[in-house]
C-alpha atoms as a PDB file:
ATOM      1  CA  MET A   1     -96.129-122.891-100.313  1.00  0.00           C
ATOM      2  CA  LYS A   2     -92.643-121.845-101.490  1.00  0.00           C
ATOM      3  CA  GLU A   3     -92.316-119.480 -98.542  1.00  0.00           C
ATOM      4  CA  THR A   4     -92.324-122.544 -96.264  1.00  0.00           C
ATOM      5  CA  TYR A   5     -88.786-123.277 -97.430  1.00  0.00           C
ATOM      6  CA  LEU A   6     -87.447-119.731 -97.147  1.00  0.00           C
ATOM      7  CA  SER A   7     -85.645-118.276 -94.150  1.00  0.00           C
ATOM      8  CA  ILE A   8     -85.114-114.540 -94.668  1.00  0.00           C
ATOM      9  CA  SER A   9     -82.765-112.722 -92.295  1.00  0.00           C
ATOM     10  CA  PRO A  10     -84.042-109.826 -90.158  1.00  0.00           C
ATOM     11  CA  GLU A  11     -81.738-107.390 -92.013  1.00  0.00           C
ATOM     12  CA  VAL A  12     -83.177-108.369 -95.404  1.00  0.00           C
ATOM     13  CA  LYS A  13     -86.764-108.390 -94.099  1.00  0.00           C
ATOM     14  CA  GLU A  14     -86.340-104.892 -92.666  1.00  0.00           C
ATOM     15  CA  ALA A  15     -84.867-103.584 -95.927  1.00  0.00           C
ATOM     16  CA  GLN A  16     -87.694-105.037 -97.997  1.00  0.00           C
ATOM     17  CA  ALA A  17     -90.371-103.771 -95.617  1.00  0.00           C
ATOM     18  CA  ALA A  18     -88.841-100.292 -95.877  1.00  0.00           C
ATOM     19  CA  GLY A  19     -88.735-100.463 -99.686  1.00  0.00           C
ATOM     20  CA  LYS A  20     -84.928-100.450 -99.806  1.00  0.00           C
ATOM     21  CA  PRO A  21     -82.811-102.221-102.460  1.00  0.00           C
ATOM     22  CA  VAL A  22     -81.402-105.686-101.793  1.00  0.00           C
ATOM     23  CA  VAL A  23     -78.627-107.532-103.666  1.00  0.00           C
ATOM     24  CA  ALA A  24     -78.338-111.327-103.648  1.00  0.00           C
ATOM     25  CA  LEU A  25     -74.956-113.088-103.393  1.00  0.00           C
ATOM     26  CA  GLU A  26     -74.066-116.697-104.078  1.00  0.00           C
ATOM     27  CA  SER A  27     -72.266-118.976-101.634  1.00  0.00           C
ATOM     28  CA  THR A  28     -70.469-121.471-103.894  1.00  0.00           C
ATOM     29  CA  ILE A  29     -67.712-118.910-104.353  1.00  0.00           C
ATOM     30  CA  ILE A  30     -67.203-119.140-100.572  1.00  0.00           C
ATOM     31  CA  SER A  31     -67.232-122.916-100.187  1.00  0.00           C
ATOM     32  CA  HIS A  32     -65.811-124.041-103.535  1.00  0.00           C
ATOM     33  CA  GLY A  33     -64.252-121.017-105.222  1.00  0.00           C
ATOM     34  CA  MET A  34     -61.525-119.864-102.834  1.00  0.00           C
ATOM     35  CA  PRO A  35     -59.352-121.265-100.033  1.00  0.00           C
ATOM     36  CA  TYR A  36     -59.893-120.484 -96.350  1.00  0.00           C
ATOM     37  CA  PRO A  37     -59.574-117.853 -94.872  1.00  0.00           C
ATOM     38  CA  GLN A  38     -59.576-115.662 -98.009  1.00  0.00           C
ATOM     39  CA  ASN A  39     -63.068-116.935 -98.807  1.00  0.00           C
ATOM     40  CA  VAL A  40     -64.730-115.715 -95.618  1.00  0.00           C
ATOM     41  CA  GLU A  41     -62.794-112.434 -95.679  1.00  0.00           C
ATOM     42  CA  MET A  42     -63.972-111.884 -99.263  1.00  0.00           C
ATOM     43  CA  ALA A  43     -67.588-112.720 -98.360  1.00  0.00           C
ATOM     44  CA  LYS A  44     -67.666-110.204 -95.512  1.00  0.00           C
ATOM     45  CA  GLN A  45     -66.001-107.506 -97.585  1.00  0.00           C
ATOM     46  CA  VAL A  46     -68.428-107.957-100.495  1.00  0.00           C
ATOM     47  CA  GLU A  47     -71.365-107.582 -98.124  1.00  0.00           C
ATOM     48  CA  GLN A  48     -69.835-104.405 -96.693  1.00  0.00           C
ATOM     49  CA  ILE A  49     -69.239-102.946-100.164  1.00  0.00           C
ATOM     50  CA  ILE A  50     -72.908-103.439-100.985  1.00  0.00           C
ATOM     51  CA  ARG A  51     -73.960-101.731 -97.740  1.00  0.00           C
ATOM     52  CA  ASP A  52     -71.542 -98.868 -98.420  1.00  0.00           C
ATOM     53  CA  HIS A  53     -73.227 -98.292-101.795  1.00  0.00           C
ATOM     54  CA  GLY A  54     -76.764 -98.058-100.465  1.00  0.00           C
ATOM     55  CA  ALA A  55     -78.129-101.595-100.678  1.00  0.00           C
ATOM     56  CA  THR A  56     -78.571-104.565 -98.348  1.00  0.00           C
ATOM     57  CA  PRO A  57     -76.643-107.792 -99.058  1.00  0.00           C
ATOM     58  CA  ALA A  58     -78.423-111.148 -99.032  1.00  0.00           C
ATOM     59  CA  THR A  59     -76.000-114.066 -99.303  1.00  0.00           C
ATOM     60  CA  VAL A  60     -77.941-117.217-100.166  1.00  0.00           C
ATOM     61  CA  ALA A  61     -77.270-120.767 -98.949  1.00  0.00           C
ATOM     62  CA  ILE A  62     -79.135-123.927 -97.960  1.00  0.00           C
ATOM     63  CA  MET A  63     -78.995-124.643 -94.249  1.00  0.00           C
ATOM     64  CA  ASP A  64     -81.095-126.711 -91.866  1.00  0.00           C
ATOM     65  CA  GLY A  65     -83.731-127.579 -94.457  1.00  0.00           C
ATOM     66  CA  LYS A  66     -84.248-123.981 -95.603  1.00  0.00           C
ATOM     67  CA  ILE A  67     -83.121-121.642 -98.351  1.00  0.00           C
ATOM     68  CA  LYS A  68     -81.522-118.926 -96.247  1.00  0.00           C
ATOM     69  CA  ILE A  69     -81.656-115.417 -97.693  1.00  0.00           C
ATOM     70  CA  GLY A  70     -79.124-113.363 -95.761  1.00  0.00           C
ATOM     71  CA  LEU A  71     -76.492-115.047 -93.586  1.00  0.00           C
ATOM     72  CA  THR A  72     -74.963-114.346 -90.195  1.00  0.00           C
ATOM     73  CA  GLU A  73     -71.181-114.216 -89.653  1.00  0.00           C
ATOM     74  CA  GLU A  74     -71.459-117.675 -88.096  1.00  0.00           C
ATOM     75  CA  ASP A  75     -73.215-118.967 -91.242  1.00  0.00           C
ATOM     76  CA  LEU A  76     -70.472-117.513 -93.458  1.00  0.00           C
ATOM     77  CA  GLU A  77     -67.798-119.122 -91.294  1.00  0.00           C
ATOM     78  CA  ARG A  78     -69.509-122.530 -91.594  1.00  0.00           C
ATOM     79  CA  LEU A  79     -69.660-122.308 -95.374  1.00  0.00           C
ATOM     80  CA  ALA A  80     -66.049-121.151 -95.564  1.00  0.00           C
ATOM     81  CA  SER A  81     -64.515-123.756 -93.260  1.00  0.00           C
ATOM     82  CA  GLU A  82     -66.646-126.916 -93.091  1.00  0.00           C
ATOM     83  CA  LYS A  83     -65.825-129.946 -95.206  1.00  0.00           C
ATOM     84  CA  ASP A  84     -68.273-131.599 -97.596  1.00  0.00           C
ATOM     85  CA  VAL A  85     -70.445-128.551 -98.251  1.00  0.00           C
ATOM     86  CA  ALA A  86     -72.708-129.585-101.130  1.00  0.00           C
ATOM     87  CA  LYS A  87     -72.520-127.581-104.349  1.00  0.00           C
ATOM     88  CA  VAL A  88     -76.220-127.192-105.061  1.00  0.00           C
ATOM     89  CA  SER A  89     -77.661-126.696-108.534  1.00  0.00           C
ATOM     90  CA  ARG A  90     -81.342-126.929-109.509  1.00  0.00           C
ATOM     91  CA  ARG A  91     -81.267-130.739-109.717  1.00  0.00           C
ATOM     92  CA  ASP A  92     -79.875-131.046-106.146  1.00  0.00           C
ATOM     93  CA  MET A  93     -82.000-128.419-104.418  1.00  0.00           C
ATOM     94  CA  ALA A  94     -84.924-130.527-103.210  1.00  0.00           C
ATOM     95  CA  GLU A  95     -82.617-133.335-102.064  1.00  0.00           C
ATOM     96  CA  VAL A  96     -80.338-131.130 -99.965  1.00  0.00           C
ATOM     97  CA  ILE A  97     -83.297-129.317 -98.394  1.00  0.00           C
ATOM     98  CA  ALA A  98     -85.028-132.646 -97.639  1.00  0.00           C
ATOM     99  CA  LYS A  99     -81.917-134.045 -95.949  1.00  0.00           C
ATOM    100  CA  GLY A 100     -81.294-130.862 -93.958  1.00  0.00           C
ATOM    101  CA  GLY A 101     -77.801-130.639 -95.398  1.00  0.00           C
ATOM    102  CA  LEU A 102     -75.414-127.728 -95.731  1.00  0.00           C
ATOM    103  CA  GLY A 103     -75.394-126.473 -99.297  1.00  0.00           C
ATOM    104  CA  ALA A 104     -73.724-123.640-101.179  1.00  0.00           C
ATOM    105  CA  THR A 105     -75.779-122.093-103.955  1.00  0.00           C
ATOM    106  CA  THR A 106     -74.504-121.732-107.512  1.00  0.00           C
ATOM    107  CA  VAL A 107     -75.599-118.991-109.901  1.00  0.00           C
ATOM    108  CA  THR A 108     -78.622-121.155-110.737  1.00  0.00           C
ATOM    109  CA  THR A 109     -79.857-121.765-107.211  1.00  0.00           C
ATOM    110  CA  THR A 110     -79.043-118.238-106.056  1.00  0.00           C
ATOM    111  CA  MET A 111     -81.240-116.937-108.867  1.00  0.00           C
ATOM    112  CA  ILE A 112     -84.028-119.283-107.772  1.00  0.00           C
ATOM    113  CA  GLY A 113     -83.751-118.207-104.125  1.00  0.00           C
ATOM    114  CA  ALA A 114     -83.482-114.519-105.014  1.00  0.00           C
ATOM    115  CA  HIS A 115     -86.562-114.635-107.239  1.00  0.00           C
ATOM    116  CA  MET A 116     -88.556-116.480-104.563  1.00  0.00           C
ATOM    117  CA  ALA A 117     -87.561-113.781-102.061  1.00  0.00           C
ATOM    118  CA  GLY A 118     -88.409-110.895-104.395  1.00  0.00           C
ATOM    119  CA  ILE A 119     -84.805-109.809-105.052  1.00  0.00           C
ATOM    120  CA  ASP A 120     -84.100-108.503-108.557  1.00  0.00           C
ATOM    121  CA  VAL A 121     -80.295-108.108-108.632  1.00  0.00           C
ATOM    122  CA  PHE A 122     -77.645-110.733-107.982  1.00  0.00           C
ATOM    123  CA  VAL A 123     -73.849-110.286-107.919  1.00  0.00           C
ATOM    124  CA  THR A 124     -71.423-113.098-108.658  1.00  0.00           C
ATOM    125  CA  GLY A 125     -67.873-113.525-109.937  1.00  0.00           C
ATOM    126  CA  GLY A 126     -68.124-115.349-113.251  1.00  0.00           C
ATOM    127  CA  LEU A 127     -70.907-117.128-115.098  1.00  0.00           C
ATOM    128  CA  GLY A 128     -70.940-120.821-115.919  1.00  0.00           C
ATOM    129  CA  GLY A 129     -71.464-121.733-119.548  1.00  0.00           C
ATOM    130  CA  VAL A 130     -70.678-124.136-122.361  1.00  0.00           C
ATOM    131  CA  HIS A 131     -67.533-126.100-121.528  1.00  0.00           C
ATOM    132  CA  ARG A 132     -64.752-126.645-124.003  1.00  0.00           C
ATOM    133  CA  GLY A 133     -65.073-129.951-125.834  1.00  0.00           C
ATOM    134  CA  TYR A 134     -68.865-129.606-125.931  1.00  0.00           C
ATOM    135  CA  ASN A 135     -69.083-131.840-129.008  1.00  0.00           C
ATOM    136  CA  GLU A 136     -67.703-134.741-126.993  1.00  0.00           C
ATOM    137  CA  HIS A 137     -69.475-134.454-123.641  1.00  0.00           C
ATOM    138  CA  MET A 138     -72.274-131.831-124.016  1.00  0.00           C
ATOM    139  CA  ASP A 139     -71.300-130.195-120.713  1.00  0.00           C
ATOM    140  CA  VAL A 140     -73.369-127.018-120.332  1.00  0.00           C
ATOM    141  CA  SER A 141     -73.824-125.145-117.047  1.00  0.00           C
ATOM    142  CA  ALA A 142     -77.358-124.959-115.675  1.00  0.00           C
ATOM    143  CA  ASP A 143     -76.658-121.225-115.206  1.00  0.00           C
ATOM    144  CA  LEU A 144     -77.565-120.630-118.849  1.00  0.00           C
ATOM    145  CA  GLU A 145     -80.912-122.425-118.593  1.00  0.00           C
ATOM    146  CA  GLU A 146     -81.749-120.485-115.432  1.00  0.00           C
ATOM    147  CA  LEU A 147     -81.031-117.157-117.089  1.00  0.00           C
ATOM    148  CA  GLY A 148     -83.489-118.159-119.787  1.00  0.00           C
ATOM    149  CA  GLN A 149     -86.348-118.678-117.351  1.00  0.00           C
ATOM    150  CA  THR A 150     -85.809-116.680-114.152  1.00  0.00           C
ATOM    151  CA  PRO A 151     -86.167-112.856-114.225  1.00  0.00           C
ATOM    152  CA  VAL A 152     -83.161-111.854-112.117  1.00  0.00           C
ATOM    153  CA  THR A 153     -80.381-109.517-113.291  1.00  0.00           C
ATOM    154  CA  VAL A 154     -76.981-111.149-112.818  1.00  0.00           C
ATOM    155  CA  VAL A 155     -73.868-108.975-112.559  1.00  0.00           C
ATOM    156  CA  CYS A 156     -70.646-110.821-113.366  1.00  0.00           C
ATOM    157  CA  ALA A 157     -67.189-110.344-114.885  1.00  0.00           C
ATOM    158  CA  GLY A 158     -68.214-112.331-117.961  1.00  0.00           C
ATOM    159  CA  ALA A 159     -68.240-116.082-118.396  1.00  0.00           C
ATOM    160  CA  LYS A 160     -65.366-117.940-116.763  1.00  0.00           C
ATOM    161  CA  ALA A 161     -62.367-117.938-119.098  1.00  0.00           C
ATOM    162  CA  ILE A 162     -62.080-121.734-118.818  1.00  0.00           C
ATOM    163  CA  LEU A 163     -65.252-122.033-120.959  1.00  0.00           C
ATOM    164  CA  ASP A 164     -66.083-121.984-124.652  1.00  0.00           C
ATOM    165  CA  LEU A 165     -67.001-118.301-124.835  1.00  0.00           C
ATOM    166  CA  PRO A 166     -68.515-118.074-128.351  1.00  0.00           C
ATOM    167  CA  ARG A 167     -70.756-121.108-127.758  1.00  0.00           C
ATOM    168  CA  THR A 168     -71.792-119.648-124.402  1.00  0.00           C
ATOM    169  CA  LEU A 169     -72.901-116.434-126.126  1.00  0.00           C
ATOM    170  CA  GLU A 170     -74.778-118.414-128.789  1.00  0.00           C
ATOM    171  CA  TYR A 171     -76.592-120.417-126.102  1.00  0.00           C
ATOM    172  CA  LEU A 172     -77.659-117.254-124.282  1.00  0.00           C
ATOM    173  CA  GLU A 173     -78.893-115.750-127.542  1.00  0.00           C
ATOM    174  CA  THR A 174     -81.017-118.845-128.180  1.00  0.00           C
ATOM    175  CA  LYS A 175     -82.535-118.471-124.719  1.00  0.00           C
ATOM    176  CA  GLY A 176     -83.355-114.800-125.360  1.00  0.00           C
ATOM    177  CA  VAL A 177     -81.053-113.543-122.606  1.00  0.00           C
ATOM    178  CA  PRO A 178     -79.728-109.997-123.108  1.00  0.00           C
ATOM    179  CA  VAL A 179     -75.973-109.887-122.488  1.00  0.00           C
ATOM    180  CA  VAL A 180     -75.119-106.305-121.585  1.00  0.00           C
ATOM    181  CA  GLY A 181     -71.563-105.004-121.644  1.00  0.00           C
ATOM    182  CA  TYR A 182     -71.087-102.410-118.919  1.00  0.00           C
ATOM    183  CA  GLN A 183     -69.061 -99.635-120.528  1.00  0.00           C
ATOM    184  CA  THR A 184     -67.663-102.181-123.014  1.00  0.00           C
ATOM    185  CA  ASP A 185     -68.492-103.568-126.454  1.00  0.00           C
ATOM    186  CA  LYS A 186     -66.563-106.817-125.911  1.00  0.00           C
ATOM    187  CA  LEU A 187     -67.338-109.770-123.660  1.00  0.00           C
ATOM    188  CA  PRO A 188     -65.157-109.624-120.528  1.00  0.00           C
ATOM    189  CA  ALA A 189     -63.389-112.918-119.865  1.00  0.00           C
ATOM    190  CA  PHE A 190     -63.292-113.110-116.044  1.00  0.00           C
ATOM    191  CA  PHE A 191     -59.547-112.738-115.312  1.00  0.00           C
ATOM    192  CA  SER A 192     -59.236-110.485-118.391  1.00  0.00           C
ATOM    193  CA  SER A 193     -61.117-107.275-119.080  1.00  0.00           C
ATOM    194  CA  SER A 194     -61.797-108.150-122.703  1.00  0.00           C
ATOM    195  CA  SER A 195     -61.986-110.961-125.243  1.00  0.00           C
ATOM    196  CA  ASP A 196     -62.313-111.264-129.004  1.00  0.00           C
ATOM    197  CA  TYR A 197     -66.123-111.507-128.864  1.00  0.00           C
ATOM    198  CA  GLU A 198     -68.436-108.596-129.631  1.00  0.00           C
ATOM    199  CA  LEU A 199     -71.606-107.959-127.634  1.00  0.00           C
ATOM    200  CA  ASN A 200     -74.892-106.732-129.096  1.00  0.00           C
ATOM    201  CA  THR A 201     -75.807-104.523-126.142  1.00  0.00           C
ATOM    202  CA  ARG A 202     -73.881-101.904-124.200  1.00  0.00           C
ATOM    203  CA  ALA A 203     -74.906 -99.778-121.203  1.00  0.00           C
ATOM    204  CA  ASP A 204     -72.837 -96.942-119.792  1.00  0.00           C
ATOM    205  CA  SER A 205     -74.694 -96.314-116.526  1.00  0.00           C
ATOM    206  CA  PRO A 206     -76.551 -98.280-113.842  1.00  0.00           C
ATOM    207  CA  GLU A 207     -79.653 -96.243-114.693  1.00  0.00           C
ATOM    208  CA  GLN A 208     -79.677 -97.546-118.270  1.00  0.00           C
ATOM    209  CA  ILE A 209     -79.572-101.109-117.004  1.00  0.00           C
ATOM    210  CA  ALA A 210     -82.302-100.395-114.455  1.00  0.00           C
ATOM    211  CA  ARG A 211     -84.585 -99.020-117.186  1.00  0.00           C
ATOM    212  CA  MET A 212     -84.090-102.171-119.277  1.00  0.00           C
ATOM    213  CA  MET A 213     -84.900-104.291-116.226  1.00  0.00           C
ATOM    214  CA  LYS A 214     -88.084-102.332-115.564  1.00  0.00           C
ATOM    215  CA  ILE A 215     -89.328-102.696-119.126  1.00  0.00           C
ATOM    216  CA  SER A 216     -88.468-106.398-119.218  1.00  0.00           C
ATOM    217  CA  HIS A 217     -90.436-106.953-115.998  1.00  0.00           C
ATOM    218  CA  ASP A 218     -93.355-104.818-117.205  1.00  0.00           C
ATOM    219  CA  LEU A 219     -93.539-106.870-120.404  1.00  0.00           C
ATOM    220  CA  GLU A 220     -93.260-110.112-118.396  1.00  0.00           C
ATOM    221  CA  LEU A 221     -90.609-111.430-120.764  1.00  0.00           C
ATOM    222  CA  GLY A 222     -89.617-113.972-118.137  1.00  0.00           C
ATOM    223  CA  GLN A 223     -85.879-114.289-118.682  1.00  0.00           C
ATOM    224  CA  GLY A 224     -82.976-112.873-116.731  1.00  0.00           C
ATOM    225  CA  MET A 225     -80.470-110.258-117.832  1.00  0.00           C
ATOM    226  CA  LEU A 226     -76.708-110.758-117.791  1.00  0.00           C
ATOM    227  CA  VAL A 227     -74.605-107.672-117.050  1.00  0.00           C
ATOM    228  CA  THR A 228     -70.929-108.238-117.845  1.00  0.00           C
ATOM    229  CA  ASN A 229     -68.635-105.913-115.917  1.00  0.00           C
ATOM    230  CA  PRO A 230     -64.944-105.973-116.895  1.00  0.00           C
ATOM    231  CA  ILE A 231     -62.319-106.465-114.229  1.00  0.00           C
ATOM    232  CA  LYS A 232     -60.274-103.289-113.811  1.00  0.00           C
ATOM    233  CA  LYS A 233     -57.253-103.102-116.126  1.00  0.00           C
ATOM    234  CA  GLU A 234     -54.822-102.817-113.232  1.00  0.00           C
ATOM    235  CA  ASP A 235     -56.203-106.042-111.705  1.00  0.00           C
ATOM    236  CA  GLU A 236     -56.491-108.235-114.812  1.00  0.00           C
ATOM    237  CA  ILE A 237     -54.343-111.040-116.184  1.00  0.00           C
ATOM    238  CA  PRO A 238     -54.160-110.399-119.958  1.00  0.00           C
ATOM    239  CA  HIS A 239     -55.977-113.080-121.930  1.00  0.00           C
ATOM    240  CA  GLU A 240     -52.864-113.914-123.990  1.00  0.00           C
ATOM    241  CA  GLU A 241     -51.184-114.997-120.748  1.00  0.00           C
ATOM    242  CA  ILE A 242     -54.100-116.636-118.961  1.00  0.00           C
ATOM    243  CA  ASP A 243     -55.177-118.632-122.046  1.00  0.00           C
ATOM    244  CA  GLN A 244     -51.933-120.639-121.995  1.00  0.00           C
ATOM    245  CA  ILE A 245     -52.340-121.350-118.283  1.00  0.00           C
ATOM    246  CA  ILE A 246     -55.959-122.415-118.772  1.00  0.00           C
ATOM    247  CA  ASP A 247     -54.948-124.792-121.569  1.00  0.00           C
ATOM    248  CA  GLN A 248     -52.446-126.453-119.229  1.00  0.00           C
ATOM    249  CA  ALA A 249     -55.027-126.698-116.420  1.00  0.00           C
ATOM    250  CA  ILE A 250     -57.535-128.319-118.801  1.00  0.00           C
ATOM    251  CA  ARG A 251     -54.942-130.885-119.913  1.00  0.00           C
ATOM    252  CA  GLU A 252     -54.248-131.779-116.284  1.00  0.00           C
ATOM    253  CA  ALA A 253     -57.989-132.088-115.563  1.00  0.00           C
ATOM    254  CA  ASP A 254     -58.377-134.456-118.510  1.00  0.00           C
ATOM    255  CA  GLU A 255     -55.409-136.533-117.355  1.00  0.00           C
ATOM    256  CA  ALA A 256     -56.892-136.725-113.842  1.00  0.00           C
ATOM    257  CA  GLY A 257     -60.316-137.745-115.171  1.00  0.00           C
ATOM    258  CA  VAL A 258     -62.093-134.760-113.617  1.00  0.00           C
ATOM    259  CA  LYS A 259     -65.651-134.375-114.952  1.00  0.00           C
ATOM    260  CA  GLY A 260     -69.003-132.650-114.374  1.00  0.00           C
ATOM    261  CA  LYS A 261     -69.481-130.226-111.513  1.00  0.00           C
ATOM    262  CA  ASP A 262     -65.986-130.995-110.153  1.00  0.00           C
ATOM    263  CA  THR A 263     -64.398-129.492-113.271  1.00  0.00           C
ATOM    264  CA  THR A 264     -64.689-125.787-112.466  1.00  0.00           C
ATOM    265  CA  PRO A 265     -63.364-126.004-108.854  1.00  0.00           C
ATOM    266  CA  PHE A 266     -60.462-128.183-110.070  1.00  0.00           C
ATOM    267  CA  LEU A 267     -59.539-125.794-112.879  1.00  0.00           C
ATOM    268  CA  LEU A 268     -59.776-122.666-110.736  1.00  0.00           C
ATOM    269  CA  ALA A 269     -57.585-124.247-108.043  1.00  0.00           C
ATOM    270  CA  LYS A 270     -55.058-125.364-110.649  1.00  0.00           C
ATOM    271  CA  ILE A 271     -54.975-121.878-112.187  1.00  0.00           C
ATOM    272  CA  VAL A 272     -54.282-120.379-108.740  1.00  0.00           C
ATOM    273  CA  GLU A 273     -51.353-122.780-108.436  1.00  0.00           C
ATOM    274  CA  LEU A 274     -50.002-122.048-111.924  1.00  0.00           C
ATOM    275  CA  THR A 275     -50.262-118.260-111.480  1.00  0.00           C
ATOM    276  CA  ASP A 276     -48.685-118.286-107.991  1.00  0.00           C
ATOM    277  CA  GLY A 277     -51.878-116.834-106.539  1.00  0.00           C
ATOM    278  CA  ARG A 278     -52.336-113.985-109.015  1.00  0.00           C
ATOM    279  CA  SER A 279     -55.599-115.471-110.302  1.00  0.00           C
ATOM    280  CA  LEU A 280     -57.006-115.633-106.760  1.00  0.00           C
ATOM    281  CA  ASP A 281     -56.178-111.967-106.233  1.00  0.00           C
ATOM    282  CA  ALA A 282     -57.844-111.104-109.561  1.00  0.00           C
ATOM    283  CA  ASN A 283     -60.875-113.201-108.630  1.00  0.00           C
ATOM    284  CA  ILE A 284     -61.343-111.361-105.344  1.00  0.00           C
ATOM    285  CA  LYS A 285     -60.930-107.928-106.931  1.00  0.00           C
ATOM    286  CA  LEU A 286     -63.382-108.616-109.744  1.00  0.00           C
ATOM    287  CA  VAL A 287     -66.004-109.703-107.220  1.00  0.00           C
ATOM    288  CA  TYR A 288     -65.514-106.438-105.314  1.00  0.00           C
ATOM    289  CA  ASN A 289     -65.852-104.525-108.582  1.00  0.00           C
ATOM    290  CA  ASN A 290     -69.072-106.383-109.392  1.00  0.00           C
ATOM    291  CA  ALA A 291     -70.458-105.683-105.920  1.00  0.00           C
ATOM    292  CA  VAL A 292     -70.152-101.928-106.479  1.00  0.00           C
ATOM    293  CA  LEU A 293     -71.992-102.092-109.809  1.00  0.00           C
ATOM    294  CA  GLY A 294     -74.627-104.509-108.495  1.00  0.00           C
ATOM    295  CA  ALA A 295     -75.470-102.197-105.609  1.00  0.00           C
ATOM    296  CA  GLN A 296     -75.652 -99.211-107.973  1.00  0.00           C
ATOM    297  CA  ILE A 297     -78.025-101.081-110.299  1.00  0.00           C
ATOM    298  CA  ALA A 298     -80.214-102.201-107.380  1.00  0.00           C
ATOM    299  CA  VAL A 299     -80.450 -98.620-106.078  1.00  0.00           C
ATOM    300  CA  ALA A 300     -81.296 -97.274-109.557  1.00  0.00           C
ATOM    301  CA  TYR A 301     -83.882 -99.990-110.183  1.00  0.00           C
ATOM    302  CA  ASN A 302     -85.466 -99.431-106.782  1.00  0.00           C
ATOM    303  CA  GLU A 303     -85.892 -95.728-107.572  1.00  0.00           C
ATOM    304  CA  ILE A 304     -87.421 -96.414-110.997  1.00  0.00           C
ATOM    305  CA  ALA A 305     -89.707 -99.214-109.829  1.00  0.00           C
ATOM    306  CA  ASN A 306     -91.051 -97.119-106.943  1.00  0.00           C
ATOM    307  CA  SER A 307     -91.412 -93.839-108.813  1.00  0.00           C
END
């Protein structure tokens, strides 16, 4: 029955039929994460990076009453330029599909679509998590719940630096989600390559991650895996600098009364403004970096799973 709501592109279908690796990509980063035209340029470049590293990209979105797995250039342009594109999390998914609306998928809904389509690896920029001030408003991203129940490996540059990082790690531990540092022992913090928070698990090659994925799937553990891939040192904004900017952006969000799912887009836009565009450049480069690793993991996992 689920397949009724899926629309898989010919490119992705051909790759799967041939037993080739596929990497899922979210679409909220296109519609809500970056301004036009950088967003559509980034989306096309990420797809090309994945192709160049031996896998097939599958950007996910909700269009015309379907969960589309793999988008055309026209689809990407619509998401990048149209107004009022819905930001779709698990709670909104059925509604947007029922209404035939245009929806961009978050980490949560991209994981759902990827799993339904049989895709094991998903590349994004940063993970959602526990928001600062949790004791007052209990604002926790649905991304964390999804990682606890959907067996997809998510490659990111750590949790977004605007979040409460230690509480985010504690939440993931409670959900049984392995948080793997790629060639690092510390949690990357999105714009910054490192933070003050130690990780329990480290992997130094895509093959190591692929082996963990295979065993987790064989044991039917049921949860996802989070691979945290640090932004390159030459592209980062050191956390001592970005933390002050984030604090200012959060104060302005509070003063403006911004809440719920509008918080992250507001903060990211404000940080772009306060850094004179440096944060946008870092955001784009970390996504490219994640795309390389995601494709490498998908290729390694495909070889192990089919051996």
